[in-house]
Structure formats: C-alpha cells, structure tokens
PDB file of N, CA and C in Angstrom:
ATOM      1  N   MET A   1       2.322   7.295 -10.810  1.00  0.00           N
ATOM      2  CA  MET A   1       1.155   6.147  -9.766  1.00  0.00           C
ATOM      3  C   MET A   1      -0.265   7.823 -10.034  1.00  0.00           C
ATOM      4  N   PHE A   2      -1.094   6.595  -9.814  1.00  0.00           N
ATOM      5  CA  PHE A   2      -1.824   7.247 -10.194  1.00  0.00           C
ATOM      6  C   PHE A   2      -3.441   7.145  -9.230  1.00  0.00           C
ATOM      7  N   PHE A   3      -4.104   7.830  -8.664  1.00  0.00           N
ATOM      8  CA  PHE A   3      -4.905   7.487  -7.587  1.00  0.00           C
ATOM      9  C   PHE A   3      -6.113   7.503  -8.798  1.00  0.00           C
ATOM     10  N   TYR A   4      -7.278   5.992  -8.006  1.00  0.00           N
ATOM     11  CA  TYR A   4      -8.366   5.639  -8.750  1.00  0.00           C
ATOM     12  C   TYR A   4      -9.359   5.537  -7.581  1.00  0.00           C
ATOM     13  N   PRO A   5     -10.848   6.412  -7.924  1.00  0.00           N
ATOM     14  CA  PRO A   5     -11.683   5.826  -6.730  1.00  0.00           C
ATOM     15  C   PRO A   5     -11.786   4.533  -6.660  1.00  0.00           C
ATOM     16  N   LYS A   6     -12.213   3.448  -6.771  1.00  0.00           N
ATOM     17  CA  LYS A   6     -12.428   2.384  -6.404  1.00  0.00           C
ATOM     18  C   LYS A   6     -12.710   1.492  -7.799  1.00  0.00           C
ATOM     19  N   ASP A   7     -12.263  -0.211  -7.345  1.00  0.00           N
ATOM     20  CA  ASP A   7     -11.611  -1.262  -7.809  1.00  0.00           C
ATOM     21  C   ASP A   7     -12.827  -1.454  -8.044  1.00  0.00           C
ATOM     22  N   MET A   8     -12.494  -2.169  -9.917  1.00  0.00           N
ATOM     23  CA  MET A   8     -13.929  -2.910 -10.241  1.00  0.00           C
ATOM     24  C   MET A   8     -14.990  -2.105 -10.474  1.00  0.00           C
ATOM     25  N   THR A   9     -14.930  -0.754 -10.756  1.00  0.00           N
ATOM     26  CA  THR A   9     -15.953   0.371 -11.142  1.00  0.00           C
ATOM     27  C   THR A   9     -15.337  -0.055 -12.812  1.00  0.00           C
ATOM     28  N   SER A  10     -16.379   0.773 -13.749  1.00  0.00           N
ATOM     29  CA  SER A  10     -16.549   0.930 -15.153  1.00  0.00           C
ATOM     30  C   SER A  10     -15.477   1.759 -14.818  1.00  0.00           C
ATOM     31  N   GLY A  11     -15.207   3.227 -15.151  1.00  0.00           N
ATOM     32  CA  GLY A  11     -14.478   3.865 -14.946  1.00  0.00           C
ATOM     33  C   GLY A  11     -12.916   3.426 -14.528  1.00  0.00           C
ATOM     34  N   CYS A  12     -12.865   3.245 -13.177  1.00  0.00           N
ATOM     35  CA  CYS A  12     -11.261   2.407 -12.999  1.00  0.00           C
ATOM     36  C   CYS A  12     -11.324   1.619 -13.557  1.00  0.00           C
ATOM     37  N   THR A  13     -11.843   0.602 -13.773  1.00  0.00           N
ATOM     38  CA  THR A  13     -11.261  -0.025 -14.282  1.00  0.00           C
ATOM     39  C   THR A  13     -10.460  -0.143 -16.198  1.00  0.00           C
ATOM     40  N   THR A  14     -11.593   0.631 -16.380  1.00  0.00           N
ATOM     41  CA  THR A  14     -11.154   1.044 -17.943  1.00  0.00           C
ATOM     42  C   THR A  14      -9.697   1.785 -17.996  1.00  0.00           C
ATOM     43  N   GLU A  15      -9.371   2.337 -16.974  1.00  0.00           N
ATOM     44  CA  GLU A  15      -8.461   3.486 -16.339  1.00  0.00           C
ATOM     45  C   GLU A  15      -7.273   1.842 -16.798  1.00  0.00           C
ATOM     46  N   VAL A  16      -6.976   1.625 -15.637  1.00  0.00           N
ATOM     47  CA  VAL A  16      -6.052   0.811 -15.342  1.00  0.00           C
ATOM     48  C   VAL A  16      -5.717  -0.487 -16.359  1.00  0.00           C
ATOM     49  N   ILE A  17      -6.754  -0.746 -17.332  1.00  0.00           N
ATOM     50  CA  ILE A  17      -6.554  -1.594 -17.734  1.00  0.00           C
ATOM     51  C   ILE A  17      -5.974  -0.706 -19.623  1.00  0.00           C
ATOM     52  N   ASP A  18      -6.975   0.319 -19.736  1.00  0.00           N
ATOM     53  CA  ASP A  18      -5.550   1.569 -20.647  1.00  0.00           C
ATOM     54  C   ASP A  18      -3.802   1.755 -19.729  1.00  0.00           C
ATOM     55  N   PHE A  19      -3.691   1.556 -18.772  1.00  0.00           N
ATOM     56  CA  PHE A  19      -2.593   1.525 -18.739  1.00  0.00           C
ATOM     57  C   PHE A  19      -1.706   0.225 -19.029  1.00  0.00           C
ATOM     58  N   GLN A  20      -2.034  -0.518 -18.445  1.00  0.00           N
ATOM     59  CA  GLN A  20      -1.790  -2.065 -19.043  1.00  0.00           C
ATOM     60  C   GLN A  20      -1.540  -2.013 -19.853  1.00  0.00           C
ATOM     61  N   ALA A  21      -2.282  -2.108 -20.725  1.00  0.00           N
ATOM     62  CA  ALA A  21      -2.038  -2.171 -22.652  1.00  0.00           C
ATOM     63  C   ALA A  21      -1.210  -1.453 -22.320  1.00  0.00           C
ATOM     64  N   ALA A  22      -0.798  -0.525 -22.431  1.00  0.00           N
ATOM     65  CA  ALA A  22       0.543   0.782 -23.003  1.00  0.00           C
ATOM     66  C   ALA A  22       1.650   0.298 -21.514  1.00  0.00           C
ATOM     67  N   LEU A  23       1.614  -0.505 -20.943  1.00  0.00           N
ATOM     68  CA  LEU A  23       2.902  -0.598 -20.202  1.00  0.00           C
ATOM     69  C   LEU A  23       4.272  -0.956 -20.596  1.00  0.00           C
ATOM     70  N   SER A  24       4.432  -1.834 -21.747  1.00  0.00           N
ATOM     71  CA  SER A  24       5.552  -1.688 -23.032  1.00  0.00           C
ATOM     72  C   SER A  24       5.738  -0.152 -22.832  1.00  0.00           C
ATOM     73  N   LYS A  25       4.994   0.916 -23.310  1.00  0.00           N
ATOM     74  CA  LYS A  25       5.230   1.879 -23.010  1.00  0.00           C
ATOM     75  C   LYS A  25       6.074   2.627 -22.371  1.00  0.00           C
ATOM     76  N   PHE A  26       5.307   2.711 -21.454  1.00  0.00           N
ATOM     77  CA  PHE A  26       5.876   2.648 -19.867  1.00  0.00           C
ATOM     78  C   PHE A  26       7.382   2.282 -20.100  1.00  0.00           C
ATOM     79  N   LYS A  27       7.457   0.746 -20.027  1.00  0.00           N
ATOM     80  CA  LYS A  27       9.118   0.062 -20.349  1.00  0.00           C
ATOM     81  C   LYS A  27       9.994   0.919 -20.389  1.00  0.00           C
ATOM     82  N   ARG A  28       9.473   1.276 -21.982  1.00  0.00           N
ATOM     83  CA  ARG A  28      10.661   1.942 -23.106  1.00  0.00           C
ATOM     84  C   ARG A  28      11.120   2.527 -22.966  1.00  0.00           C
ATOM     85  N   LYS A  29      10.228   3.878 -21.645  1.00  0.00           N
ATOM     86  CA  LYS A  29      10.839   5.014 -20.947  1.00  0.00           C
ATOM     87  C   LYS A  29      11.342   4.581 -19.623  1.00  0.00           C
ATOM     88  N   LYS A  30      11.552   3.205 -19.293  1.00  0.00           N
ATOM     89  CA  LYS A  30      12.031   3.189 -18.393  1.00  0.00           C
ATOM     90  C   LYS A  30      11.022   3.988 -17.234  1.00  0.00           C
ATOM     91  N   VAL A  31       9.511   3.539 -17.053  1.00  0.00           N
ATOM     92  CA  VAL A  31       9.117   4.971 -15.856  1.00  0.00           C
ATOM     93  C   VAL A  31       8.277   3.279 -15.749  1.00  0.00           C
ATOM     94  N   ALA A  32       8.172   3.242 -14.383  1.00  0.00           N
ATOM     95  CA  ALA A  32       6.912   2.915 -13.678  1.00  0.00           C
ATOM     96  C   ALA A  32       5.642   2.654 -13.165  1.00  0.00           C
ATOM     97  N   VAL A  33       4.643   2.114 -13.189  1.00  0.00           N
ATOM     98  CA  VAL A  33       3.295   2.122 -13.501  1.00  0.00           C
ATOM     99  C   VAL A  33       2.878   1.900 -11.731  1.00  0.00           C
ATOM    100  N   VAL A  34       2.275   2.424 -11.026  1.00  0.00           N
ATOM    101  CA  VAL A  34       1.842   2.395 -10.095  1.00  0.00           C
ATOM    102  C   VAL A  34       0.313   2.434  -9.861  1.00  0.00           C
ATOM    103  N   SER A  35      -0.457   2.474  -9.398  1.00  0.00           N
ATOM    104  CA  SER A  35      -2.026   2.688  -8.958  1.00  0.00           C
ATOM    105  C   SER A  35      -1.733   3.087  -7.818  1.00  0.00           C
ATOM    106  N   ILE A  36      -3.057   3.675  -6.811  1.00  0.00           N
ATOM    107  CA  ILE A  36      -3.861   3.699  -5.305  1.00  0.00           C
ATOM    108  C   ILE A  36      -4.667   3.654  -5.113  1.00  0.00           C
ATOM    109  N   SER A  37      -5.586   3.285  -4.628  1.00  0.00           N
ATOM    110  CA  SER A  37      -6.893   3.422  -4.089  1.00  0.00           C
ATOM    111  C   SER A  37      -6.924   2.770  -3.200  1.00  0.00           C
ATOM    112  N   LYS A  38      -7.929   3.291  -1.713  1.00  0.00           N
ATOM    113  CA  LYS A  38      -8.563   2.733  -0.543  1.00  0.00           C
ATOM    114  C   LYS A  38      -8.887   1.328  -0.684  1.00  0.00           C
ATOM    115  N   GLU A  39      -9.442   0.285  -1.127  1.00  0.00           N
ATOM    116  CA  GLU A  39      -9.410  -1.049  -1.422  1.00  0.00           C
ATOM    117  C   GLU A  39      -8.531  -1.460  -0.125  1.00  0.00           C
ATOM    118  N   SER A  40      -8.923  -2.985  -0.231  1.00  0.00           N
ATOM    119  CA  SER A  40      -8.235  -4.038   0.637  1.00  0.00           C
ATOM    120  C   SER A  40      -6.909  -4.598  -0.374  1.00  0.00           C
ATOM    121  N   VAL A  41      -6.494  -5.440   0.253  1.00  0.00           N
ATOM    122  CA  VAL A  41      -5.151  -6.481  -0.711  1.00  0.00           C
ATOM    123  C   VAL A  41      -5.865  -6.927  -1.215  1.00  0.00           C
ATOM    124  N   LYS A  42      -6.926  -7.705   0.158  1.00  0.00           N
ATOM    125  CA  LYS A  42      -7.973  -9.144  -1.168  1.00  0.00           C
ATOM    126  C   LYS A  42      -8.209  -8.266  -2.541  1.00  0.00           C
ATOM    127  N   SER A  43      -9.218  -7.281  -2.639  1.00  0.00           N
ATOM    128  CA  SER A  43      -9.626  -6.600  -3.690  1.00  0.00           C
ATOM    129  C   SER A  43      -8.793  -6.467  -5.034  1.00  0.00           C
ATOM    130  N   LYS A  44      -8.247  -5.790  -4.337  1.00  0.00           N
ATOM    131  CA  LYS A  44      -6.634  -5.708  -5.120  1.00  0.00           C
ATOM    132  C   LYS A  44      -6.260  -6.657  -6.375  1.00  0.00           C
ATOM    133  N   ARG A  45      -5.604  -7.744  -5.195  1.00  0.00           N
ATOM    134  CA  ARG A  45      -5.318  -9.314  -5.667  1.00  0.00           C
ATOM    135  C   ARG A  45      -6.673  -9.881  -7.349  1.00  0.00           C
ATOM    136  N   LYS A  46      -7.764  -9.589  -5.927  1.00  0.00           N
ATOM    137  CA  LYS A  46      -9.061  -9.695  -7.319  1.00  0.00           C
ATOM    138  C   LYS A  46      -9.320  -9.435  -8.824  1.00  0.00           C
ATOM    139  N   PHE A  47      -8.907  -8.189  -8.425  1.00  0.00           N
ATOM    140  CA  PHE A  47      -8.994  -7.181  -9.381  1.00  0.00           C
ATOM    141  C   PHE A  47      -7.568  -6.775 -10.451  1.00  0.00           C
ATOM    142  N   ALA A  48      -7.077  -7.128  -9.893  1.00  0.00           N
ATOM    143  CA  ALA A  48      -5.846  -7.362 -10.904  1.00  0.00           C
ATOM    144  C   ALA A  48      -5.747  -9.232 -11.786  1.00  0.00           C
ATOM    145  N   ASP A  49      -6.144 -10.335 -10.764  1.00  0.00           N
ATOM    146  CA  ASP A  49      -6.041 -10.954 -11.570  1.00  0.00           C
ATOM    147  C   ASP A  49      -7.693 -11.360 -12.761  1.00  0.00           C
ATOM    148  N   LYS A  50      -9.018 -10.798 -12.464  1.00  0.00           N
ATOM    149  CA  LYS A  50      -9.349 -10.721 -13.244  1.00  0.00           C
ATOM    150  C   LYS A  50      -9.128  -9.301 -14.189  1.00  0.00           C
ATOM    151  N   HIS A  51      -8.497  -8.703 -14.703  1.00  0.00           N
ATOM    152  CA  HIS A  51      -7.938  -8.200 -15.756  1.00  0.00           C
ATOM    153  C   HIS A  51      -6.611  -8.391 -16.066  1.00  0.00           C
ATOM    154  N   ASP A  52      -5.598  -9.558 -14.965  1.00  0.00           N
ATOM    155  CA  ASP A  52      -4.105  -9.508 -15.846  1.00  0.00           C
ATOM    156  C   ASP A  52      -3.935  -8.748 -15.858  1.00  0.00           C
ATOM    157  N   LEU A  53      -3.897  -8.148 -14.882  1.00  0.00           N
ATOM    158  CA  LEU A  53      -2.488  -6.558 -14.558  1.00  0.00           C
ATOM    159  C   LEU A  53      -1.424  -7.002 -13.824  1.00  0.00           C
ATOM    160  N   THR A  54      -0.250  -6.737 -14.389  1.00  0.00           N
ATOM    161  CA  THR A  54       1.084  -6.279 -13.518  1.00  0.00           C
ATOM    162  C   THR A  54       1.776  -5.326 -13.289  1.00  0.00           C
ATOM    163  N   PHE A  55       1.244  -4.352 -13.497  1.00  0.00           N
ATOM    164  CA  PHE A  55       1.798  -3.232 -12.666  1.00  0.00           C
ATOM    165  C   PHE A  55       1.729  -3.740 -10.790  1.00  0.00           C
ATOM    166  N   THR A  56       1.922  -2.936 -10.176  1.00  0.00           N
ATOM    167  CA  THR A  56       2.287  -2.635  -8.854  1.00  0.00           C
ATOM    168  C   THR A  56       0.725  -1.894  -8.696  1.00  0.00           C
ATOM    169  N   LEU A  57      -0.431  -2.373  -7.587  1.00  0.00           N
ATOM    170  CA  LEU A  57      -1.133  -1.778  -7.311  1.00  0.00           C
ATOM    171  C   LEU A  57      -1.286  -1.915  -5.534  1.00  0.00           C
ATOM    172  N   LEU A  58      -1.501  -0.439  -4.957  1.00  0.00           N
ATOM    173  CA  LEU A  58      -1.790  -1.151  -3.565  1.00  0.00           C
ATOM    174  C   LEU A  58      -2.742  -0.540  -2.860  1.00  0.00           C
ATOM    175  N   ALA A  59      -2.963  -1.677  -2.829  1.00  0.00           N
ATOM    176  CA  ALA A  59      -4.301  -0.372  -0.795  1.00  0.00           C
ATOM    177  C   ALA A  59      -3.855   0.892   0.276  1.00  0.00           C
ATOM    178  N   ASP A  60      -4.256   1.339  -0.175  1.00  0.00           N
ATOM    179  CA  ASP A  60      -4.713   2.551   1.182  1.00  0.00           C
ATOM    180  C   ASP A  60      -4.916   2.521   1.824  1.00  0.00           C
ATOM    181  N   GLU A  61      -5.651   1.368   2.539  1.00  0.00           N
ATOM    182  CA  GLU A  61      -7.184   1.182   2.887  1.00  0.00           C
ATOM    183  C   GLU A  61      -7.021   2.286   4.390  1.00  0.00           C
ATOM    184  N   ASP A  62      -5.931   2.964   4.562  1.00  0.00           N
ATOM    185  CA  ASP A  62      -6.670   4.074   5.625  1.00  0.00           C
ATOM    186  C   ASP A  62      -6.401   5.385   5.385  1.00  0.00           C
ATOM    187  N   THR A  63      -6.045   5.574   4.011  1.00  0.00           N
ATOM    188  CA  THR A  63      -6.127   6.618   2.834  1.00  0.00           C
ATOM    189  C   THR A  63      -4.341   7.820   3.340  1.00  0.00           C
ATOM    190  N   ALA A  64      -4.153   6.623   4.181  1.00  0.00           N
ATOM    191  CA  ALA A  64      -2.719   8.206   5.214  1.00  0.00           C
ATOM    192  C   ALA A  64      -2.011   8.412   3.638  1.00  0.00           C
ATOM    193  N   ILE A  65      -1.812   7.738   2.416  1.00  0.00           N
ATOM    194  CA  ILE A  65      -1.512   7.568   0.698  1.00  0.00           C
ATOM    195  C   ILE A  65      -1.819   8.662   0.796  1.00  0.00           C
ATOM    196  N   CYS A  66      -3.788   8.696   0.671  1.00  0.00           N
ATOM    197  CA  CYS A  66      -4.701   9.734  -0.367  1.00  0.00           C
ATOM    198  C   CYS A  66      -4.471  11.026   0.198  1.00  0.00           C
ATOM    199  N   GLU A  67      -4.234  11.217   1.256  1.00  0.00           N
ATOM    200  CA  GLU A  67      -4.058  11.969   2.252  1.00  0.00           C
ATOM    201  C   GLU A  67      -2.717  13.353   2.023  1.00  0.00           C
ATOM    202  N   LYS A  68      -1.768  12.623   2.019  1.00  0.00           N
ATOM    203  CA  LYS A  68       0.107  13.259   2.009  1.00  0.00           C
ATOM    204  C   LYS A  68      -0.427  14.058   0.269  1.00  0.00           C
ATOM    205  N   TYR A  69      -1.188  13.326  -0.608  1.00  0.00           N
ATOM    206  CA  TYR A  69      -1.240  13.789  -1.737  1.00  0.00           C
ATOM    207  C   TYR A  69      -2.230  14.253  -2.551  1.00  0.00           C
ATOM    208  N   GLY A  70      -2.905  14.467  -1.556  1.00  0.00           N
ATOM    209  CA  GLY A  70      -4.251  15.895  -0.925  1.00  0.00           C
ATOM    210  C   GLY A  70      -5.249  15.210  -2.341  1.00  0.00           C
ATOM    211  N   VAL A  71      -4.976  13.643  -2.805  1.00  0.00           N
ATOM    212  CA  VAL A  71      -6.013  13.733  -3.926  1.00  0.00           C
ATOM    213  C   VAL A  71      -7.621  12.890  -2.822  1.00  0.00           C
ATOM    214  N   MET A  72      -7.983  12.605  -1.522  1.00  0.00           N
ATOM    215  CA  MET A  72      -9.164  12.501  -0.461  1.00  0.00           C
ATOM    216  C   MET A  72      -9.626  14.372  -0.937  1.00  0.00           C
ATOM    217  N   LYS A  73     -11.062  14.288  -1.325  1.00  0.00           N
ATOM    218  CA  LYS A  73     -11.429  15.204  -1.601  1.00  0.00           C
ATOM    219  C   LYS A  73     -13.476  14.717  -1.786  1.00  0.00           C
ATOM    220  N   GLU A  74     -14.016  15.956  -0.704  1.00  0.00           N
ATOM    221  CA  GLU A  74     -15.194  15.980  -0.775  1.00  0.00           C
ATOM    222  C   GLU A  74     -16.024  15.836  -2.132  1.00  0.00           C
ATOM    223  N   LYS A  75     -16.905  15.028  -2.474  1.00  0.00           N
ATOM    224  CA  LYS A  75     -17.731  14.055  -3.262  1.00  0.00           C
ATOM    225  C   LYS A  75     -19.554  14.228  -3.034  1.00  0.00           C
ATOM    226  N   SER A  76     -20.060  14.002  -3.871  1.00  0.00           N
ATOM    227  CA  SER A  76     -21.155  14.605  -4.082  1.00  0.00           C
ATOM    228  C   SER A  76     -22.437  13.646  -4.716  1.00  0.00           C
ATOM    229  N   MET A  77     -22.853  12.661  -4.620  1.00  0.00           N
ATOM    230  CA  MET A  77     -23.948  11.716  -5.067  1.00  0.00           C
ATOM    231  C   MET A  77     -25.497  11.149  -4.736  1.00  0.00           C
ATOM    232  N   TYR A  78     -26.091  11.399  -5.656  1.00  0.00           N
ATOM    233  CA  TYR A  78     -27.585  11.723  -5.033  1.00  0.00           C
ATOM    234  C   TYR A  78     -27.657  11.811  -4.174  1.00  0.00           C
ATOM    235  N   GLY A  79     -26.937  12.791  -3.690  1.00  0.00           N
ATOM    236  CA  GLY A  79     -27.625  14.327  -2.522  1.00  0.00           C
ATOM    237  C   GLY A  79     -26.571  14.572  -1.412  1.00  0.00           C
ATOM    238  N   LYS A  80     -25.851  13.127  -1.350  1.00  0.00           N
ATOM    239  CA  LYS A  80     -24.732  12.456   0.128  1.00  0.00           C
ATOM    240  C   LYS A  80     -23.448  13.386  -0.324  1.00  0.00           C
ATOM    241  N   LYS A  81     -23.086  13.787   0.715  1.00  0.00           N
ATOM    242  CA  LYS A  81     -21.503  14.252   0.382  1.00  0.00           C
ATOM    243  C   LYS A  81     -20.755  13.021   1.130  1.00  0.00           C
ATOM    244  N   PHE A  82     -19.409  12.783   0.449  1.00  0.00           N
ATOM    245  CA  PHE A  82     -18.976  11.966   1.739  1.00  0.00           C
ATOM    246  C   PHE A  82     -17.027  12.565   0.647  1.00  0.00           C
ATOM    247  N   MET A  83     -16.331  11.604   2.102  1.00  0.00           N
ATOM    248  CA  MET A  83     -14.949  11.780   0.778  1.00  0.00           C
ATOM    249  C   MET A  83     -14.738  10.698   0.457  1.00  0.00           C
ATOM    250  N   GLY A  84     -13.645  10.916  -0.980  1.00  0.00           N
ATOM    251  CA  GLY A  84     -13.183   9.953  -1.959  1.00  0.00           C
ATOM    252  C   GLY A  84     -12.015  10.188  -2.536  1.00  0.00           C
ATOM    253  N   ILE A  85     -11.732   9.578  -3.138  1.00  0.00           N
ATOM    254  CA  ILE A  85     -10.280   9.335  -3.827  1.00  0.00           C
ATOM    255  C   ILE A  85     -10.808  10.714  -5.069  1.00  0.00           C
ATOM    256  N   GLU A  86     -10.278  11.481  -5.536  1.00  0.00           N
ATOM    257  CA  GLU A  86     -10.426  12.320  -7.087  1.00  0.00           C
ATOM    258  C   GLU A  86      -9.333  12.013  -7.788  1.00  0.00           C
ATOM    259  N   ARG A  87      -9.826  11.349  -9.247  1.00  0.00           N
ATOM    260  CA  ARG A  87      -8.466  10.235  -9.729  1.00  0.00           C
ATOM    261  C   ARG A  87      -7.442  11.542 -10.034  1.00  0.00           C
ATOM    262  N   THR A  88      -5.901  11.333 -10.082  1.00  0.00           N
ATOM    263  CA  THR A  88      -5.045  12.343 -10.034  1.00  0.00           C
ATOM    264  C   THR A  88      -3.741  11.116 -10.333  1.00  0.00           C
ATOM    265  N   THR A  89      -3.131  11.299 -11.636  1.00  0.00           N
ATOM    266  CA  THR A  89      -2.230  11.059 -11.898  1.00  0.00           C
ATOM    267  C   THR A  89      -0.724  11.138 -11.472  1.00  0.00           C
ATOM    268  N   PHE A  90       0.596  11.552 -10.810  1.00  0.00           N
ATOM    269  CA  PHE A  90       1.577  12.223 -10.808  1.00  0.00           C
ATOM    270  C   PHE A  90       2.802  11.269 -11.232  1.00  0.00           C
ATOM    271  N   ILE A  91       3.262  12.351 -12.180  1.00  0.00           N
ATOM    272  CA  ILE A  91       4.669  11.705 -12.782  1.00  0.00           C
ATOM    273  C   ILE A  91       6.067  12.467 -11.417  1.00  0.00           C
ATOM    274  N   ILE A  92       6.670  11.177 -11.663  1.00  0.00           N
ATOM    275  CA  ILE A  92       7.325  11.198 -10.482  1.00  0.00           C
ATOM    276  C   ILE A  92       8.694  11.401 -10.522  1.00  0.00           C
ATOM    277  N   GLY A  93       9.785  11.689 -10.241  1.00  0.00           N
ATOM    278  CA  GLY A  93      10.815  11.818 -11.083  1.00  0.00           C
ATOM    279  C   GLY A  93      11.628  10.526 -10.392  1.00  0.00           C
ATOM    280  N   GLU A  94      13.372  10.308 -11.159  1.00  0.00           N
ATOM    281  CA  GLU A  94      14.263  10.180  -9.811  1.00  0.00           C
ATOM    282  C   GLU A  94      14.392  10.576  -8.853  1.00  0.00           C
ATOM    283  N   ASP A  95      14.491  11.404  -8.500  1.00  0.00           N
ATOM    284  CA  ASP A  95      14.893  11.881  -7.154  1.00  0.00           C
ATOM    285  C   ASP A  95      13.467  12.144  -6.225  1.00  0.00           C
ATOM    286  N   GLY A  96      12.862  12.077  -6.907  1.00  0.00           N
ATOM    287  CA  GLY A  96      11.305  11.424  -5.649  1.00  0.00           C
ATOM    288  C   GLY A  96      10.112  12.551  -5.991  1.00  0.00           C
ATOM    289  N   LYS A  97      11.310  13.876  -7.091  1.00  0.00           N
ATOM    290  CA  LYS A  97      10.007  14.415  -6.470  1.00  0.00           C
ATOM    291  C   LYS A  97       9.183  14.586  -7.814  1.00  0.00           C
ATOM    292  N   ILE A  98       7.564  15.723  -6.933  1.00  0.00           N
ATOM    293  CA  ILE A  98       6.628  15.533  -8.127  1.00  0.00           C
ATOM    294  C   ILE A  98       7.066  16.260  -9.249  1.00  0.00           C
ATOM    295  N   GLU A  99       7.430  15.995 -10.395  1.00  0.00           N
ATOM    296  CA  GLU A  99       7.246  16.499 -11.898  1.00  0.00           C
ATOM    297  C   GLU A  99       6.168  16.958 -12.566  1.00  0.00           C
ATOM    298  N   LYS A 100       5.337  16.355 -12.582  1.00  0.00           N
ATOM    299  CA  LYS A 100       3.704  16.975 -13.199  1.00  0.00           C
ATOM    300  C   LYS A 100       2.498  15.838 -12.100  1.00  0.00           C
ATOM    301  N   ILE A 101       1.136  17.107 -12.542  1.00  0.00           N
ATOM    302  CA  ILE A 101       0.138  16.609 -11.830  1.00  0.00           C
ATOM    303  C   ILE A 101      -1.001  16.325 -12.404  1.00  0.00           C
ATOM    304  N   PHE A 102      -1.843  15.167 -12.689  1.00  0.00           N
ATOM    305  CA  PHE A 102      -2.962  15.694 -13.197  1.00  0.00           C
ATOM    306  C   PHE A 102      -4.407  15.658 -12.529  1.00  0.00           C
ATOM    307  N   PRO A 103      -4.566  16.803 -12.470  1.00  0.00           N
ATOM    308  CA  PRO A 103      -5.744  16.375 -11.127  1.00  0.00           C
ATOM    309  C   PRO A 103      -6.856  16.178 -11.932  1.00  0.00           C
ATOM    310  N   LYS A 104      -8.009  15.879 -12.005  1.00  0.00           N
ATOM    311  CA  LYS A 104      -8.910  15.783 -11.792  1.00  0.00           C
ATOM    312  C   LYS A 104      -9.579  15.016 -13.040  1.00  0.00           C
ATOM    313  N   VAL A 105      -8.650  13.369 -13.497  1.00  0.00           N
ATOM    314  CA  VAL A 105      -8.442  12.796 -14.962  1.00  0.00           C
ATOM    315  C   VAL A 105      -9.724  12.285 -15.268  1.00  0.00           C
ATOM    316  N   LYS A 106      -9.308  12.661 -16.601  1.00  0.00           N
ATOM    317  CA  LYS A 106     -11.262  11.905 -17.588  1.00  0.00           C
ATOM    318  C   LYS A 106     -10.452  10.816 -17.586  1.00  0.00           C
ATOM    319  N   VAL A 107     -10.545  10.102 -17.911  1.00  0.00           N
ATOM    320  CA  VAL A 107     -10.358   8.287 -18.471  1.00  0.00           C
ATOM    321  C   VAL A 107     -10.167   8.114 -19.871  1.00  0.00           C
ATOM    322  N   LYS A 108     -10.603   8.780 -20.949  1.00  0.00           N
ATOM    323  CA  LYS A 108     -10.551   8.383 -22.100  1.00  0.00           C
ATOM    324  C   LYS A 108      -9.189   9.438 -22.373  1.00  0.00           C
ATOM    325  N   GLY A 109      -8.333   9.132 -22.921  1.00  0.00           N
ATOM    326  CA  GLY A 109      -7.115   9.069 -23.957  1.00  0.00           C
ATOM    327  C   GLY A 109      -5.643   9.578 -22.948  1.00  0.00           C
ATOM    328  N   HIS A 110      -6.387  10.015 -21.006  1.00  0.00           N
ATOM    329  CA  HIS A 110      -5.676   9.797 -20.254  1.00  0.00           C
ATOM    330  C   HIS A 110      -3.449   9.073 -20.347  1.00  0.00           C
ATOM    331  N   VAL A 111      -4.110   8.135 -20.607  1.00  0.00           N
ATOM    332  CA  VAL A 111      -2.203   7.492 -20.503  1.00  0.00           C
ATOM    333  C   VAL A 111      -1.574   8.064 -21.631  1.00  0.00           C
ATOM    334  N   ASP A 112      -2.111   8.034 -22.683  1.00  0.00           N
ATOM    335  CA  ASP A 112      -1.860   9.159 -24.285  1.00  0.00           C
ATOM    336  C   ASP A 112      -1.257  10.122 -23.491  1.00  0.00           C
ATOM    337  N   ASP A 113      -2.028  10.783 -22.958  1.00  0.00           N
ATOM    338  CA  ASP A 113      -0.875  11.924 -22.488  1.00  0.00           C
ATOM    339  C   ASP A 113      -0.523  11.949 -21.304  1.00  0.00           C
ATOM    340  N   VAL A 114      -0.384  11.082 -20.583  1.00  0.00           N
ATOM    341  CA  VAL A 114       0.028  10.586 -19.753  1.00  0.00           C
ATOM    342  C   VAL A 114       1.915  10.681 -20.169  1.00  0.00           C
ATOM    343  N   LEU A 115       1.738   9.534 -21.495  1.00  0.00           N
ATOM    344  CA  LEU A 115       3.174   9.115 -22.515  1.00  0.00           C
ATOM    345  C   LEU A 115       3.850  10.302 -22.981  1.00  0.00           C
ATOM    346  N   ALA A 116       2.630  11.103 -22.967  1.00  0.00           N
ATOM    347  CA  ALA A 116       3.728  12.236 -24.319  1.00  0.00           C
ATOM    348  C   ALA A 116       3.722  13.649 -22.953  1.00  0.00           C
ATOM    349  N   SER A 117       3.475  13.334 -21.906  1.00  0.00           N
ATOM    350  CA  SER A 117       4.549  14.448 -21.190  1.00  0.00           C
ATOM    351  C   SER A 117       5.593  13.975 -21.184  1.00  0.00           C
ATOM    352  N   LEU A 118       6.032  12.202 -20.346  1.00  0.00           N
ATOM    353  CA  LEU A 118       7.404  11.913 -19.892  1.00  0.00           C
ATOM    354  C   LEU A 118       8.499  12.894 -20.688  1.00  0.00           C
TER     355      LEU A 118
END
C-alpha cells in the first residue's frame, strides 16, 4: 500500500506508472497493490483512465486513513507551510500487520526496492 501526495503530478504519475508496469511481478508474489491519496473518487477515475491503471486507487478525502498511518506531515513550498502526504509505502502481511515501512520515498527505483523486500 503506497501513499502519494497528488494525482496528475509528475512524481506521483511516475510512481503509479512504475507500480502498474510491475503489477505482474506483484501478482506472481500474490501481493495486491493499493494506492491512497486525498483526491476525490472522480480524480482517481480520471487518473486511472489516463494511465490505464488497473490496481486499486483509494480516495481519502478527509485524510482519515492518512492520519492513521501517520503520513500527513507539515510541508513547505515557496515559504508557505501546509499539511500534505509524505510519500510512504507499507508492506502489510496477510495478518494485517505492517511488515515494512518505506518513509520519504524517492520514486526512482522504489518499486524495485519494494519487490526486493517481499
């Protein structure tokens, strides 16, 4: 399960495309891929349609899930501070327990790192 900041942005688009490209590798390992951001269901549909995404994209508009997983962090852009999602991936076992956390994800090579951890 991976959290990303915003649909249709360059880093997030690269990340979801990378996960989509590796989806068959995850399936062979019997691992489901789920992504979460705070955009609306409508935004998720548009994002999925535009990039032919076939894994689950969840809309967490009220950030309740993001808050529970601790990925809402204070960020700063152009001198303004705001709360936003810190790009983070969780590997969750069949028992529902978190097995590994990848905080402050750098997109390049991330999917390979996740696959290597499974």
